[in-house]
Amino acid sequence: GNTAITVSSAGAVTQPLQPYFAVTPTAAQSNMAKSTEVTIVFGGEIFDVGGNFASNAFTAPVTGKYMLTARVTLAQIDHDGNFYAHFRIRTSNREHSNNLHFTAIMGSQPELYPFEIATLADMDASDTAIVTYNESGPGASQADLYNAGDAANQPYHYFSGCLVA
């Protein structure tokens, strides 16, 4: 009784049951622990077609290729002590990573830094995907999500995905 595929008179094809989601944080995450992979907490659903996002993780309902994107803006990164910062989308099969060496690329501590990543991930049914951050090196555990939880700041943080094939 559900419409699976609609083709408009202009030839546009929509699949209203195709799994896709977009989420954003609803609370601050401050002083993230160093040398520890910290899961980014996404408590606010913008949309979740299929109900496949819960507890900070997307769970693939079917085997396929999923386009996953994430952006997290961090504040208070310890430039003086930081060796590496690893921002990841971690799936059950592999990790997709954006890595930086702050002391090598910046002359001073950045006020804010946006991490972004997009990947086409192969996922089996029931595989999961989460977003994590891990900073290693000496220095303080002081990295924060920039103004997380403020609805006006949603463009600074998101995690989204959809089944493409």
Protein backbone atom coordinates (compact mmCIF):
# COMPACT_ATOMS: atom_id res chain seq x y z
CA GLY A 1 0.00 0.00 0.00
CA ASN A 2 3.05 2.35 0.09
CA THR A 3 4.35 4.24 -2.93
CA ALA A 4 7.90 2.99 -3.50
CA ILE A 5 8.87 5.10 -6.55
CA THR A 6 7.30 8.22 -8.05
CA VAL A 7 8.23 9.62 -11.44
CA SER A 8 7.04 13.17 -12.13
CA SER A 9 5.99 14.44 -15.54
CA ALA A 10 9.40 16.18 -15.70
CA GLY A 11 11.17 12.82 -15.19
CA ALA A 12 12.25 13.45 -11.58
CA VAL A 13 12.36 10.20 -9.64
CA THR A 14 11.70 10.13 -5.89
CA GLN A 15 11.76 7.18 -3.53
CA PRO A 16 9.91 8.26 -0.38
CA LEU A 17 10.93 5.13 1.55
CA GLN A 18 14.67 5.46 0.75
CA PRO A 19 16.60 5.62 4.06
CA TYR A 20 18.15 9.00 4.83
CA PHE A 21 18.85 11.08 7.91
CA ALA A 22 20.25 14.39 9.15
CA VAL A 23 21.04 15.07 12.81
CA THR A 24 22.64 17.79 14.91
CA PRO A 25 23.88 18.05 18.53
CA THR A 26 21.45 19.35 21.13
CA ALA A 27 23.90 19.74 24.02
CA ALA A 28 27.42 20.96 24.63
CA GLN A 29 30.39 18.59 24.64
CA SER A 30 33.26 20.23 26.49
CA ASN A 31 36.82 19.33 27.40
CA MET A 32 36.88 16.17 25.30
CA ALA A 33 39.39 13.65 26.63
CA LYS A 34 42.76 13.50 24.88
CA SER A 35 44.09 10.26 23.37
CA THR A 36 40.58 8.83 23.49
CA GLU A 37 38.18 8.36 20.61
CA VAL A 38 35.20 10.47 21.70
CA THR A 39 31.82 9.83 20.05
CA ILE A 40 30.12 13.04 18.98
CA VAL A 41 26.65 13.18 20.52
CA PHE A 42 23.86 13.95 18.04
CA GLY A 43 20.59 14.33 19.93
CA GLY A 44 18.50 16.31 17.46
CA GLU A 45 16.95 14.77 14.39
CA ILE A 46 16.31 17.12 11.49
CA PHE A 47 14.80 14.15 9.66
CA ASP A 48 15.15 10.38 9.82
CA VAL A 49 13.28 8.55 7.07
CA GLY A 50 13.06 4.90 8.09
CA GLY A 51 13.92 5.52 11.75
CA ASN A 52 17.48 4.20 11.38
CA PHE A 53 19.28 6.77 13.57
CA ALA A 54 19.41 6.28 17.37
CA SER A 55 21.94 6.59 20.19
CA ASN A 56 24.38 8.64 18.03
CA ALA A 57 24.57 5.94 15.36
CA PHE A 58 23.06 5.29 11.96
CA THR A 59 22.22 1.61 11.37
CA ALA A 60 21.99 0.52 7.74
CA PRO A 61 18.62 -1.13 7.12
CA VAL A 62 19.82 -2.86 3.93
CA THR A 63 23.16 -3.69 2.31
CA GLY A 64 24.32 -0.98 -0.07
CA LYS A 65 26.44 2.10 -0.68
CA TYR A 66 25.68 5.02 1.63
CA MET A 67 26.75 8.63 1.20
CA LEU A 68 27.73 9.85 4.67
CA THR A 69 28.72 13.42 5.51
CA ALA A 70 29.65 15.12 8.75
CA ARG A 71 30.78 18.52 9.96
CA VAL A 72 31.84 19.39 13.48
CA THR A 73 33.28 22.77 14.48
CA LEU A 74 35.62 22.64 17.44
CA ALA A 75 36.73 25.42 19.76
CA GLN A 76 39.52 25.58 22.35
CA ILE A 77 41.82 23.14 20.52
CA ASP A 78 45.15 23.04 22.37
CA HIS A 79 47.52 24.20 19.60
CA ASP A 80 50.61 24.14 21.82
CA GLY A 81 50.23 20.54 22.89
CA ASN A 82 48.37 19.02 19.97
CA PHE A 83 50.16 16.60 17.68
CA TYR A 84 47.27 15.17 15.70
CA ALA A 85 43.52 15.59 15.50
CA HIS A 86 41.51 12.77 13.94
CA PHE A 87 37.92 13.41 12.86
CA ARG A 88 36.22 10.23 11.68
CA ILE A 89 33.12 8.63 10.38
CA ARG A 90 33.57 5.12 11.69
CA THR A 91 31.52 2.35 10.09
CA SER A 92 31.42 -1.32 11.00
CA ASN A 93 33.65 -2.09 7.99
CA ARG A 94 36.24 0.73 8.12
CA GLU A 95 37.03 4.26 9.21
CA HIS A 96 36.90 7.32 7.02
CA SER A 97 39.20 9.97 8.46
CA ASN A 98 40.20 13.63 8.22
CA ASN A 99 43.50 14.09 10.09
CA LEU A 100 45.35 17.31 10.95
CA HIS A 101 48.58 18.29 12.66
CA PHE A 102 47.69 21.68 14.17
CA THR A 103 51.16 22.75 15.26
CA ALA A 104 52.47 22.09 11.74
CA ILE A 105 49.82 24.12 9.91
CA MET A 106 48.85 26.93 12.31
CA GLY A 107 51.01 29.55 13.91
CA SER A 108 48.68 30.01 16.87
CA GLN A 109 45.75 28.38 18.55
CA PRO A 110 42.66 28.62 16.34
CA GLU A 111 39.51 30.08 17.87
CA LEU A 112 37.42 27.63 15.85
CA TYR A 113 38.17 24.89 13.38
CA PRO A 114 35.61 23.07 11.19
CA PHE A 115 36.24 19.41 10.47
CA GLU A 116 34.37 18.03 7.47
CA ILE A 117 34.27 14.65 5.82
CA ALA A 118 32.21 12.99 3.12
CA THR A 119 32.48 9.38 2.04
CA LEU A 120 30.71 6.74 0.03
CA ALA A 121 30.65 3.83 2.47
CA ASP A 122 29.86 0.21 1.76
CA MET A 123 27.60 -1.00 4.53
CA ASP A 124 25.91 -4.32 5.14
CA ALA A 125 22.47 -4.55 6.71
CA SER A 126 22.80 -3.79 10.46
CA ASP A 127 26.23 -2.12 10.10
CA THR A 128 26.52 1.13 12.03
CA ALA A 129 28.16 4.51 11.45
CA ILE A 130 29.20 7.04 14.12
CA VAL A 131 31.21 10.29 14.18
CA THR A 132 34.24 10.50 16.48
CA TYR A 133 37.03 12.90 17.43
CA ASN A 134 40.43 11.97 18.87
CA GLU A 135 43.20 14.42 19.70
CA SER A 136 46.62 13.10 20.66
CA GLY A 137 49.75 14.66 22.10
CA PRO A 138 50.68 16.55 25.26
CA GLY A 139 48.53 19.40 26.55
CA ALA A 140 45.12 19.94 28.01
CA SER A 141 41.85 18.13 27.34
CA GLN A 142 40.10 21.32 26.35
CA ALA A 143 38.53 20.86 22.89
CA ASP A 144 34.82 21.71 22.83
CA LEU A 145 32.02 21.50 20.28
CA TYR A 146 31.48 25.14 19.31
CA ASN A 147 28.15 26.36 20.76
CA ALA A 148 26.57 22.92 20.40
CA GLY A 149 22.98 22.76 21.49
CA ASP A 150 22.09 26.24 20.25
CA ALA A 151 19.59 25.80 17.39
CA ALA A 152 21.04 28.84 15.61
CA ASN A 153 24.37 27.01 15.35
CA GLN A 154 23.12 23.91 13.52
CA PRO A 155 25.18 24.81 10.41
CA TYR A 156 28.33 24.25 12.49
CA HIS A 157 27.52 20.61 13.26
CA TYR A 158 25.69 17.85 11.41
CA PHE A 159 25.80 14.20 10.45
CA SER A 160 23.78 13.03 7.47
CA GLY A 161 23.50 10.11 5.12
CA CYS A 162 21.43 8.33 2.53
CA LEU A 163 21.35 5.07 0.59
CA VAL A 164 22.53 5.75 -2.97
CA ALA A 165 22.89 2.25 -4.45
